[in-house]
Amino acid sequence: MAIDDPVQPAQEAEAAGPAPAAGERGTTWSALRPLVLRVHFYAGLLIAPLLLIAAASGLLYALSFQAEKFLYSNELRVPVGERSLPLADQLAAARDAHPKGTVTAVWPSAEDGATTRVLMTTPEVEEGKSLAVFVDPYTAEVRGELTSFGSSGALPLRTWLDELHRDLHLGDLGRHYSELAASWLWVVALGGLLLWLGRRRTAKRDLVVPERGAKGRRKTLSWHGTVGMWAVLGLVLLSATGLTWSRYAGENIGAVQDQLGGATPVVSAALTEGADGGGDAHEGHGGGGGAGSHEGMAGMDVGIDNALAAARQAGIDGKMSVILPSEGSGYVVKETDTQFPVHLDSVAVDPADGTVIDELRFADYPLLAKLTRFGIDAHTGVFLGLANQLALAALAFALIMLIVWGYRMWWLRRPTKERRLSAGRPMPRGAWRKVPVTALLPLVALTALAGWFVPLLGISLLVFLAVDVVLGLVARARARTGTAA
């Protein structure tokens, strides 16, 4: 199946789309359009399989939030009791169940009927993940244990789908797939938008609603264009936010963010030298008086309940995470409510006397840090809860359909008479020669800049160009051979 096989004249005219209106002839867009169409064709054809994998896995990931609530209901929910026990007692129960584990953080029950989550590092859990022990806050009964990942507390189902979406469970090698898909998604989306807006149409409604009475490839194109029109903003945002934590482009984005003063600030929990709670007093990650205090250091740690009370007096409330002290640092109590309006303030508490030693309010974050946080949380489905997850699922489904319609148009444009196994061809080569120099030079400069800043985009674009040159040489050789014959 060769993408450069000839097509019939009518099919080739349809591939190029409607001719520009009389007033458009000779404009920059009329010269740019064939080039944009050719790039859109190649990118859509060759990158679409990666985008399809990302969209399908992203769709499953977006649905996994609600699936986890059902699948792990025994660990997540308990009957509501009369009163909650001290966190120290709940922490002690988790430690008794897993004496070899080292407690790193505690997520207190945030609502009636929700369990408390105690996060531990254990030899059985791989690096970067935690063992989450779920404790009934009313009885201190351990309800179960599950592997947890990330600041959102993804449980095994969501973690597995997240890793499938991110790297296909192939580690660093697999991350190239997702970065390549994110690198091209915005190019394909914006290129498609330009092509759709630049088409001549009889009714303005056909811009945003599928054309009535259209059949065949025209009908497919109508659906492809209108759905893409509605989805383009979301797809570009997904591409941009996905690149922020990619391997190569992510480093460049982080460097620019730091230079612009947009790095995310962190509350300081460092203890001053010689403080009563410093040094070896924090080796045991103490949780409070009695069973929750550091072994042999009773009285030198106010305990997790008093630390939490001090944080609440400082205005920290709602869904929270309590990071336990380690050597030279105190408690860190931070809000984790990513619903809008977000509550992400945090404080550090001295374990020796329960005083707040540092505060960090989300309102004081640099604007760029706030936008980054909103973007990443929206990409991972935690910004607006269920509404966010449904929007992600809709975008993923839309991208799947756009790819299916794109391949269908490519197949419908194939020449059926000359070669049965051939397929639709792109715009003819040499489109760039028709672009005015005043537009071509800035375009080349912007392309080079984008290729440098998003390395996998630049490298793959060079590969596409090399393949295109080779195919052109092969086509010319075949033409000469046919002429000689």
Protein backbone atom coordinates (compact mmCIF):
# COMPACT_ATOMS: atom_id res chain seq x y z
CA MET A 1 0.00 0.00 0.00
CA ALA A 2 1.76 3.13 -1.20
CA ILE A 3 0.66 6.56 -0.09
CA ASP A 4 2.01 8.14 -3.27
CA ASP A 5 0.03 6.10 -5.75
CA PRO A 6 -1.75 8.21 -8.35
CA VAL A 7 -5.41 9.01 -7.89
CA GLN A 8 -8.08 9.88 -10.38
CA PRO A 9 -8.42 13.61 -11.18
CA ALA A 10 -11.76 13.96 -9.40
CA GLN A 11 -10.41 12.25 -6.34
CA GLU A 12 -7.28 14.38 -6.37
CA ALA A 13 -9.36 17.56 -6.57
CA GLU A 14 -11.42 16.39 -3.62
CA ALA A 15 -8.26 15.57 -1.70
CA ALA A 16 -7.12 19.14 -2.13
CA GLY A 17 -10.49 20.42 -0.92
CA PRO A 18 -12.61 23.16 -2.49
CA ALA A 19 -10.77 25.71 -4.56
CA PRO A 20 -10.25 29.06 -2.88
CA ALA A 21 -12.74 31.79 -3.61
CA ALA A 22 -11.87 34.38 -6.22
CA GLY A 23 -10.83 36.93 -3.61
CA GLU A 24 -8.57 34.36 -1.97
CA ARG A 25 -6.46 33.50 -5.01
CA GLY A 26 -2.90 34.66 -4.64
CA THR A 27 -3.18 35.21 -0.89
CA THR A 28 -0.68 33.85 1.61
CA TRP A 29 -3.20 31.31 2.87
CA SER A 30 -3.89 29.97 -0.63
CA ALA A 31 -0.14 29.36 -0.94
CA LEU A 32 0.20 27.93 2.57
CA ARG A 33 -2.83 25.66 2.40
CA PRO A 34 -1.28 22.86 0.30
CA LEU A 35 1.74 22.79 2.64
CA VAL A 36 -0.46 22.66 5.76
CA LEU A 37 -2.58 19.96 4.14
CA ARG A 38 0.49 17.86 3.31
CA VAL A 39 1.91 18.16 6.85
CA HIS A 40 -1.52 17.39 8.35
CA PHE A 41 -1.80 14.36 6.09
CA TYR A 42 1.59 12.88 6.99
CA ALA A 43 1.33 13.66 10.69
CA GLY A 44 -2.19 12.28 10.87
CA LEU A 45 -1.26 9.17 8.96
CA LEU A 46 1.99 8.30 10.73
CA ILE A 47 1.43 9.64 14.26
CA ALA A 48 -2.24 8.67 14.48
CA PRO A 49 -1.50 5.12 15.76
CA LEU A 50 0.32 6.62 18.76
CA LEU A 51 -2.47 9.13 19.30
CA LEU A 52 -5.00 6.30 19.12
CA ILE A 53 -3.18 4.39 21.87
CA ALA A 54 -2.94 7.52 24.01
CA ALA A 55 -6.63 8.33 23.47
CA ALA A 56 -7.87 4.80 24.20
CA SER A 57 -5.75 4.45 27.35
CA GLY A 58 -6.68 7.99 28.39
CA LEU A 59 -10.37 7.16 28.03
CA LEU A 60 -9.99 4.12 30.28
CA TYR A 61 -7.98 6.19 32.77
CA ALA A 62 -10.69 8.88 32.95
CA LEU A 63 -13.29 6.22 33.74
CA SER A 64 -11.10 4.51 36.35
CA PHE A 65 -11.82 7.11 39.05
CA GLN A 66 -15.40 5.96 39.43
CA ALA A 67 -14.44 2.32 38.86
CA GLU A 68 -12.04 2.47 41.81
CA LYS A 69 -14.80 3.67 44.13
CA PHE A 70 -16.77 0.53 43.29
CA LEU A 71 -13.87 -1.91 43.09
CA TYR A 72 -12.21 -0.84 46.35
CA SER A 73 -15.32 0.14 48.31
CA ASN A 74 -14.37 -2.15 51.20
CA GLU A 75 -11.11 -0.27 51.71
CA LEU A 76 -12.47 3.21 51.03
CA ARG A 77 -15.79 3.24 52.92
CA VAL A 78 -16.96 2.17 56.38
CA PRO A 79 -20.21 2.50 58.36
CA VAL A 80 -20.39 5.88 60.08
CA GLY A 81 -19.66 5.65 63.80
CA GLU A 82 -20.41 7.92 66.73
CA ARG A 83 -17.00 9.58 66.89
CA SER A 84 -13.56 9.30 65.31
CA LEU A 85 -10.65 7.97 67.33
CA PRO A 86 -7.42 9.98 67.67
CA LEU A 87 -5.16 9.72 64.63
CA ALA A 88 -2.43 8.32 66.88
CA ASP A 89 -4.60 5.25 67.59
CA GLN A 90 -5.36 4.77 63.92
CA LEU A 91 -1.69 5.14 63.08
CA ALA A 92 -0.75 2.60 65.74
CA ALA A 93 -3.20 0.08 64.24
CA ALA A 94 -1.62 0.46 60.82
CA ARG A 95 1.86 0.02 62.29
CA ASP A 96 0.81 -3.07 64.20
CA ALA A 97 -0.52 -4.57 60.96
CA HIS A 98 2.74 -3.78 59.12
CA PRO A 99 5.56 -3.55 61.66
CA LYS A 100 8.24 -3.59 58.93
CA GLY A 101 6.76 -0.60 57.14
CA THR A 102 7.96 2.99 57.59
CA VAL A 103 5.11 5.48 57.78
CA THR A 104 5.64 8.52 55.57
CA ALA A 105 2.24 10.23 55.56
CA VAL A 106 -1.30 10.00 56.83
CA TRP A 107 -4.45 11.08 55.02
CA PRO A 108 -7.08 11.62 57.73
CA SER A 109 -10.67 10.69 56.95
CA ALA A 110 -12.07 13.73 55.14
CA GLU A 111 -15.78 12.92 55.38
CA ASP A 112 -18.22 10.73 57.24
CA GLY A 113 -17.78 7.09 56.28
CA ALA A 114 -14.36 7.52 54.64
CA THR A 115 -11.36 5.57 55.88
CA THR A 116 -8.06 7.04 57.00
CA ARG A 117 -5.18 6.22 54.69
CA VAL A 118 -1.74 5.52 56.18
CA LEU A 119 1.05 5.54 53.58
CA MET A 120 4.13 3.40 54.16
CA THR A 121 7.31 2.42 52.40
CA THR A 122 7.91 -1.31 52.60
CA PRO A 123 10.40 -3.71 50.95
CA GLU A 124 7.52 -5.32 49.03
CA VAL A 125 6.42 -2.09 47.29
CA GLU A 126 8.52 -0.79 44.41
CA GLU A 127 10.27 2.54 44.64
CA GLY A 128 8.08 5.54 43.87
CA LYS A 129 4.95 3.88 45.24
CA SER A 130 3.53 3.42 48.71
CA LEU A 131 1.61 0.80 50.62
CA ALA A 132 -1.70 2.39 51.60
CA VAL A 133 -3.19 0.92 54.77
CA PHE A 134 -6.87 1.77 55.17
CA VAL A 135 -8.05 2.20 58.75
CA ASP A 136 -11.59 2.61 60.07
CA PRO A 137 -11.48 5.99 61.88
CA TYR A 138 -14.23 4.91 64.29
CA THR A 139 -12.83 1.53 65.39
CA ALA A 140 -9.14 1.59 64.27
CA GLU A 141 -9.81 -1.65 62.35
CA VAL A 142 -7.52 -2.18 59.38
CA ARG A 143 -9.80 -2.59 56.37
CA GLY A 144 -7.13 -3.59 53.87
CA GLU A 145 -3.95 -2.63 52.06
CA LEU A 146 -3.39 -1.51 48.48
CA THR A 147 -0.52 -0.06 46.49
CA SER A 148 -0.86 3.71 46.07
CA PHE A 149 0.82 6.01 43.57
CA GLY A 150 1.09 9.77 43.17
CA SER A 151 -0.29 12.74 45.04
CA SER A 152 -3.84 11.82 44.02
CA GLY A 153 -3.51 8.40 45.67
CA ALA A 154 -4.13 6.29 42.59
CA LEU A 155 -4.90 2.70 43.56
CA PRO A 156 -3.87 -0.39 41.52
CA LEU A 157 -6.45 -0.07 38.72
CA ARG A 158 -5.83 3.60 38.03
CA THR A 159 -2.08 3.17 38.52
CA TRP A 160 -1.97 0.38 35.92
CA LEU A 161 -3.95 2.44 33.40
CA ASP A 162 -1.88 5.54 34.15
CA GLU A 163 1.33 3.63 33.40
CA LEU A 164 -0.23 2.19 30.24
CA HIS A 165 -1.11 5.69 29.10
CA ARG A 166 2.28 7.12 30.07
CA ASP A 167 4.78 4.48 28.92
CA LEU A 168 2.95 1.28 27.87
CA HIS A 169 4.54 -0.40 30.93
CA LEU A 170 7.91 -0.19 29.16
CA GLY A 171 9.57 2.30 31.50
CA ASP A 172 11.75 5.08 30.07
CA LEU A 173 11.70 3.52 26.62
CA GLY A 174 7.91 3.64 26.53
CA ARG A 175 7.83 7.31 27.53
CA HIS A 176 9.02 8.16 24.02
CA TYR A 177 5.66 7.06 22.63
CA SER A 178 3.60 9.38 24.83
CA GLU A 179 5.97 12.32 24.34
CA LEU A 180 5.91 11.83 20.58
CA ALA A 181 2.11 11.73 20.62
CA ALA A 182 1.88 14.87 22.79
CA SER A 183 4.49 16.62 20.63
CA TRP A 184 2.41 16.19 17.48
CA LEU A 185 -1.11 16.45 18.89
CA TRP A 186 -1.13 20.24 18.96
CA VAL A 187 0.36 20.41 15.45
CA VAL A 188 -2.28 18.08 14.01
CA ALA A 189 -5.10 19.83 15.91
CA LEU A 190 -4.14 23.38 14.92
CA GLY A 191 -3.34 22.36 11.35
CA GLY A 192 -6.74 20.72 11.06
CA LEU A 193 -8.39 23.83 12.48
CA LEU A 194 -6.70 26.05 9.87
CA LEU A 195 -7.76 23.74 7.07
CA TRP A 196 -11.33 23.56 8.32
CA LEU A 197 -11.67 27.34 8.77
CA GLY A 198 -10.11 27.92 5.34
CA ARG A 199 -12.63 25.79 3.46
CA ARG A 200 -15.27 27.47 1.30
CA ARG A 201 -18.78 26.50 2.43
CA THR A 202 -22.29 27.52 1.43
CA ALA A 203 -23.73 27.66 4.96
CA LYS A 204 -21.99 29.03 8.03
CA ARG A 205 -23.63 26.37 10.21
CA ASP A 206 -21.58 23.73 8.38
CA LEU A 207 -18.56 25.09 10.24
CA VAL A 208 -19.77 23.77 13.60
CA VAL A 209 -22.50 21.26 12.67
CA PRO A 210 -22.12 18.25 10.32
CA GLU A 211 -23.36 19.04 6.83
CA ARG A 212 -26.89 17.88 6.09
CA GLY A 213 -27.37 15.45 3.25
CA ALA A 214 -23.65 14.87 2.73
CA LYS A 215 -22.64 11.38 1.62
CA GLY A 216 -19.48 9.34 1.26
CA ARG A 217 -16.18 11.02 1.92
CA ARG A 218 -17.82 14.45 2.15
CA LYS A 219 -19.97 13.24 5.03
CA THR A 220 -16.94 11.79 6.81
CA LEU A 221 -15.00 15.02 6.29
CA SER A 222 -17.92 17.02 7.67
CA TRP A 223 -17.97 15.00 10.89
CA HIS A 224 -14.17 15.03 11.10
CA GLY A 225 -14.05 18.82 10.74
CA THR A 226 -16.92 19.79 13.02
CA VAL A 227 -15.96 17.47 15.88
CA GLY A 228 -12.37 18.62 15.54
CA MET A 229 -13.60 22.22 15.69
CA TRP A 230 -15.30 21.59 19.02
CA ALA A 231 -12.42 19.54 20.44
CA VAL A 232 -9.40 21.53 19.26
CA LEU A 233 -8.98 23.69 22.37
CA GLY A 234 -9.12 20.71 24.70
CA LEU A 235 -6.71 18.72 22.53
CA VAL A 236 -4.18 21.55 22.47
CA LEU A 237 -4.41 21.89 26.27
CA LEU A 238 -3.94 18.14 26.68
CA SER A 239 -0.87 18.33 24.46
CA ALA A 240 0.61 21.28 26.36
CA THR A 241 -0.01 19.85 29.83
CA GLY A 242 1.18 16.40 28.76
CA LEU A 243 4.47 17.88 27.59
CA THR A 244 5.10 19.54 30.98
CA TRP A 245 6.14 16.22 32.53
CA SER A 246 7.54 14.59 29.41
CA ARG A 247 11.17 13.49 29.38
CA TYR A 248 12.80 15.97 26.99
CA ALA A 249 10.33 18.78 26.29
CA GLY A 250 9.45 18.74 29.99
CA GLU A 251 13.00 19.71 30.90
CA ASN A 252 12.87 22.69 28.56
CA ILE A 253 9.47 23.75 29.88
CA GLY A 254 10.72 23.46 33.46
CA ALA A 255 13.81 25.54 32.68
CA VAL A 256 11.71 28.30 31.10
CA GLN A 257 9.29 28.22 34.02
CA ASP A 258 12.14 28.59 36.51
CA GLN A 259 13.66 31.48 34.56
CA LEU A 260 10.30 33.25 34.57
CA GLY A 261 9.99 32.81 38.32
CA GLY A 262 7.14 30.35 38.02
CA ALA A 263 8.62 27.43 39.97
CA THR A 264 6.22 25.85 42.44
CA PRO A 265 7.15 26.93 46.00
CA VAL A 266 7.42 24.41 48.85
CA VAL A 267 6.77 24.98 52.54
CA SER A 268 9.96 24.72 54.62
CA ALA A 269 9.83 22.17 57.44
CA ALA A 270 13.54 22.40 58.30
CA LEU A 271 14.19 22.65 62.05
CA THR A 272 16.71 25.10 63.41
CA GLU A 273 19.91 23.60 64.70
CA GLY A 274 19.61 22.59 68.34
CA ALA A 275 15.81 22.50 68.42
CA ASP A 276 14.37 20.02 70.90
CA GLY A 277 12.62 18.07 68.18
CA GLY A 278 15.58 17.86 65.80
CA GLY A 279 18.13 15.17 65.12
CA ASP A 280 17.47 11.55 65.97
CA ALA A 281 14.18 12.40 67.66
CA HIS A 282 12.43 12.00 64.29
CA GLU A 283 13.88 8.71 63.12
CA GLY A 284 10.75 6.78 64.00
CA HIS A 285 8.34 9.08 62.14
CA GLY A 286 6.40 9.63 65.36
CA GLY A 287 2.66 9.90 65.39
CA GLY A 288 1.72 11.15 68.86
CA GLY A 289 1.62 10.28 72.50
CA GLY A 290 1.42 6.69 73.69
CA ALA A 291 1.51 4.16 70.85
CA GLY A 292 2.13 6.88 68.28
CA SER A 293 5.20 8.50 69.84
CA HIS A 294 8.86 7.89 69.03
CA GLU A 295 10.30 4.93 70.81
CA GLY A 296 12.35 6.09 73.82
CA MET A 297 11.61 9.77 73.06
CA ALA A 298 8.19 10.17 74.73
CA GLY A 299 7.33 13.78 75.45
CA MET A 300 9.64 15.20 72.77
CA ASP A 301 6.99 14.94 70.06
CA VAL A 302 3.64 16.64 70.50
CA GLY A 303 2.13 13.91 68.33
CA ILE A 304 0.21 13.83 65.11
CA ASP A 305 -3.08 14.91 66.67
CA ASN A 306 -1.59 18.03 68.25
CA ALA A 307 0.30 18.81 65.03
CA LEU A 308 -2.95 18.51 63.11
CA ALA A 309 -4.72 20.74 65.65
CA ALA A 310 -2.00 23.39 65.26
CA ALA A 311 -2.40 23.25 61.48
CA ARG A 312 -6.15 23.68 61.76
CA GLN A 313 -5.67 26.71 63.96
CA ALA A 314 -3.51 28.11 61.16
CA GLY A 315 -6.39 27.69 58.71
CA ILE A 316 -5.60 24.27 57.21
CA ASP A 317 -8.79 22.24 56.85
CA GLY A 318 -10.76 19.86 54.66
CA LYS A 319 -8.94 17.09 52.80
CA MET A 320 -5.42 16.92 54.17
CA SER A 321 -2.17 15.01 54.07
CA VAL A 322 0.09 14.88 57.11
CA ILE A 323 3.72 14.15 56.28
CA LEU A 324 5.45 12.81 59.37
CA PRO A 325 8.73 14.23 60.71
CA SER A 326 12.09 12.93 59.59
CA GLU A 327 15.56 13.81 60.81
CA GLY A 328 15.95 17.59 60.87
CA SER A 329 12.40 18.37 59.70
CA GLY A 330 8.99 18.74 61.28
CA TYR A 331 5.46 17.82 60.36
CA VAL A 332 4.06 19.10 57.06
CA VAL A 333 0.29 19.41 56.96
CA LYS A 334 -1.12 20.35 53.58
CA GLU A 335 -4.54 20.65 52.04
CA THR A 336 -5.16 18.34 49.07
CA ASP A 337 -8.56 19.50 47.84
CA THR A 338 -8.16 20.11 44.10
CA GLN A 339 -11.85 20.84 43.54
CA PHE A 340 -12.60 24.40 42.46
CA PRO A 341 -11.98 26.61 44.33
CA VAL A 342 -8.88 24.69 45.29
CA HIS A 343 -7.57 24.43 48.85
CA LEU A 344 -3.85 23.75 48.67
CA ASP A 345 -2.39 25.72 51.59
CA SER A 346 0.26 24.05 53.75
CA VAL A 347 2.09 24.60 57.02
CA ALA A 348 5.07 23.09 58.81
CA VAL A 349 4.80 22.27 62.53
CA ASP A 350 7.65 21.87 65.01
CA PRO A 351 7.23 18.43 66.62
CA ALA A 352 8.84 19.64 69.84
CA ASP A 353 6.20 22.17 70.84
CA GLY A 354 3.55 22.21 68.10
CA THR A 355 4.31 25.70 66.85
CA VAL A 356 3.84 26.56 63.19
CA ILE A 357 7.30 27.28 61.77
CA ASP A 358 6.33 28.05 58.17
CA GLU A 359 3.21 28.72 56.12
CA LEU A 360 2.55 28.60 52.39
CA ARG A 361 -0.71 29.81 50.91
CA PHE A 362 -1.81 28.83 47.43
CA ALA A 363 -2.79 32.46 46.90
CA ASP A 364 0.90 33.35 47.17
CA TYR A 365 1.97 30.95 44.39
CA PRO A 366 3.36 32.67 41.27
CA LEU A 367 0.75 32.90 38.54
CA LEU A 368 2.67 30.51 36.29
CA ALA A 369 2.90 27.95 39.10
CA LYS A 370 -0.86 28.20 39.63
CA LEU A 371 -1.58 27.71 35.94
CA THR A 372 0.79 24.75 35.81
CA ARG A 373 -0.93 23.17 38.78
CA PHE A 374 -4.38 23.73 37.26
CA GLY A 375 -3.25 22.31 33.92
CA ILE A 376 -1.65 19.17 35.33
CA ASP A 377 -4.57 18.51 37.68
CA ALA A 378 -7.01 18.95 34.79
CA HIS A 379 -4.96 16.56 32.62
CA THR A 380 -4.99 13.93 35.38
CA GLY A 381 -8.71 14.33 36.06
CA VAL A 382 -8.58 15.67 39.62
CA PHE A 383 -9.18 19.41 39.11
CA LEU A 384 -12.97 19.42 38.95
CA GLY A 385 -13.74 15.87 40.02
CA LEU A 386 -16.39 14.03 38.04
CA ALA A 387 -16.93 16.92 35.59
CA ASN A 388 -13.21 16.89 34.81
CA GLN A 389 -13.21 13.13 34.28
CA LEU A 390 -16.23 13.25 31.98
CA ALA A 391 -14.61 16.03 29.95
CA LEU A 392 -11.43 13.96 29.60
CA ALA A 393 -13.45 10.93 28.53
CA ALA A 394 -15.31 13.02 25.93
CA LEU A 395 -12.05 14.45 24.55
CA ALA A 396 -10.48 11.01 24.37
CA PHE A 397 -13.51 9.59 22.55
CA ALA A 398 -13.55 12.56 20.18
CA LEU A 399 -9.87 12.01 19.35
CA ILE A 400 -10.52 8.32 18.68
CA MET A 401 -13.32 9.20 16.26
CA LEU A 402 -11.23 11.91 14.56
CA ILE A 403 -8.52 9.33 13.89
CA VAL A 404 -11.05 6.77 12.60
CA TRP A 405 -12.64 9.36 10.29
CA GLY A 406 -9.19 10.50 9.13
CA TYR A 407 -8.17 7.01 8.13
CA ARG A 408 -11.56 6.44 6.49
CA MET A 409 -11.09 9.54 4.31
CA TRP A 410 -7.62 8.33 3.39
CA TRP A 411 -9.08 4.95 2.38
CA LEU A 412 -12.02 6.42 0.46
CA ARG A 413 -9.64 8.56 -1.58
CA ARG A 414 -7.75 5.54 -2.89
CA PRO A 415 -7.66 4.90 -6.66
CA THR A 416 -9.87 1.87 -7.19
CA LYS A 417 -9.23 1.34 -10.89
CA GLU A 418 -5.46 1.44 -11.27
CA ARG A 419 -4.43 -0.44 -8.11
CA ARG A 420 -6.69 -2.28 -5.75
CA LEU A 421 -4.15 -2.27 -2.90
CA SER A 422 -3.28 1.41 -3.11
CA ALA A 423 -4.44 4.22 -0.84
CA GLY A 424 -5.03 7.95 -0.89
CA ARG A 425 -2.10 10.24 -1.56
CA PRO A 426 -1.11 13.53 0.05
CA MET A 427 -0.90 16.89 -1.67
CA PRO A 428 1.77 16.95 -4.40
CA ARG A 429 5.34 17.75 -3.37
CA GLY A 430 6.86 21.17 -3.77
CA ALA A 431 4.04 23.04 -2.00
CA TRP A 432 6.60 25.05 -0.02
CA ARG A 433 7.95 26.59 -3.23
CA LYS A 434 4.65 28.42 -3.71
CA VAL A 435 4.81 30.08 -0.29
CA PRO A 436 5.99 33.74 -0.44
CA VAL A 437 9.44 34.28 1.04
CA THR A 438 8.01 36.77 3.53
CA ALA A 439 5.88 33.97 4.98
CA LEU A 440 8.28 31.07 4.35
CA LEU A 441 11.22 32.46 6.33
CA PRO A 442 9.23 33.12 9.56
CA LEU A 443 7.58 29.72 9.13
CA VAL A 444 10.95 27.98 8.87
CA ALA A 445 12.24 29.90 11.91
CA LEU A 446 9.18 28.99 14.00
CA THR A 447 9.41 25.37 12.92
CA ALA A 448 13.08 25.23 13.87
CA LEU A 449 12.35 26.82 17.25
CA ALA A 450 9.49 24.41 17.94
CA GLY A 451 11.65 21.47 16.87
CA TRP A 452 14.43 22.55 19.24
CA PHE A 453 12.11 23.20 22.18
CA VAL A 454 10.13 19.98 21.60
CA PRO A 455 12.95 17.63 20.52
CA LEU A 456 10.89 14.59 19.50
CA LEU A 457 8.79 16.83 17.26
CA GLY A 458 11.90 18.15 15.53
CA ILE A 459 13.54 14.74 15.15
CA SER A 460 10.39 13.06 13.80
CA LEU A 461 9.79 15.96 11.41
CA LEU A 462 13.28 15.47 9.98
CA VAL A 463 12.53 11.75 9.60
CA PHE A 464 9.29 12.57 7.76
CA LEU A 465 11.17 14.89 5.42
CA ALA A 466 13.82 12.25 4.76
CA VAL A 467 11.16 9.62 4.00
CA ASP A 468 9.36 12.09 1.73
CA VAL A 469 12.56 12.80 -0.20
CA VAL A 470 13.23 9.09 -0.64
CA LEU A 471 9.68 8.46 -1.84
CA GLY A 472 10.04 11.34 -4.28
CA LEU A 473 13.26 9.89 -5.69
CA VAL A 474 11.63 6.47 -6.03
CA ALA A 475 8.62 7.99 -7.81
CA ARG A 476 10.88 9.86 -10.25
CA ALA A 477 12.87 6.68 -10.94
CA ARG A 478 9.66 4.78 -11.66
CA ALA A 479 8.47 7.57 -13.94
CA ARG A 480 11.74 7.53 -15.89
CA THR A 481 11.60 3.75 -16.17
CA GLY A 482 8.04 3.93 -17.47
CA THR A 483 8.95 6.62 -19.99
CA ALA A 484 11.95 4.63 -21.23
CA ALA A 485 9.77 1.57 -21.63
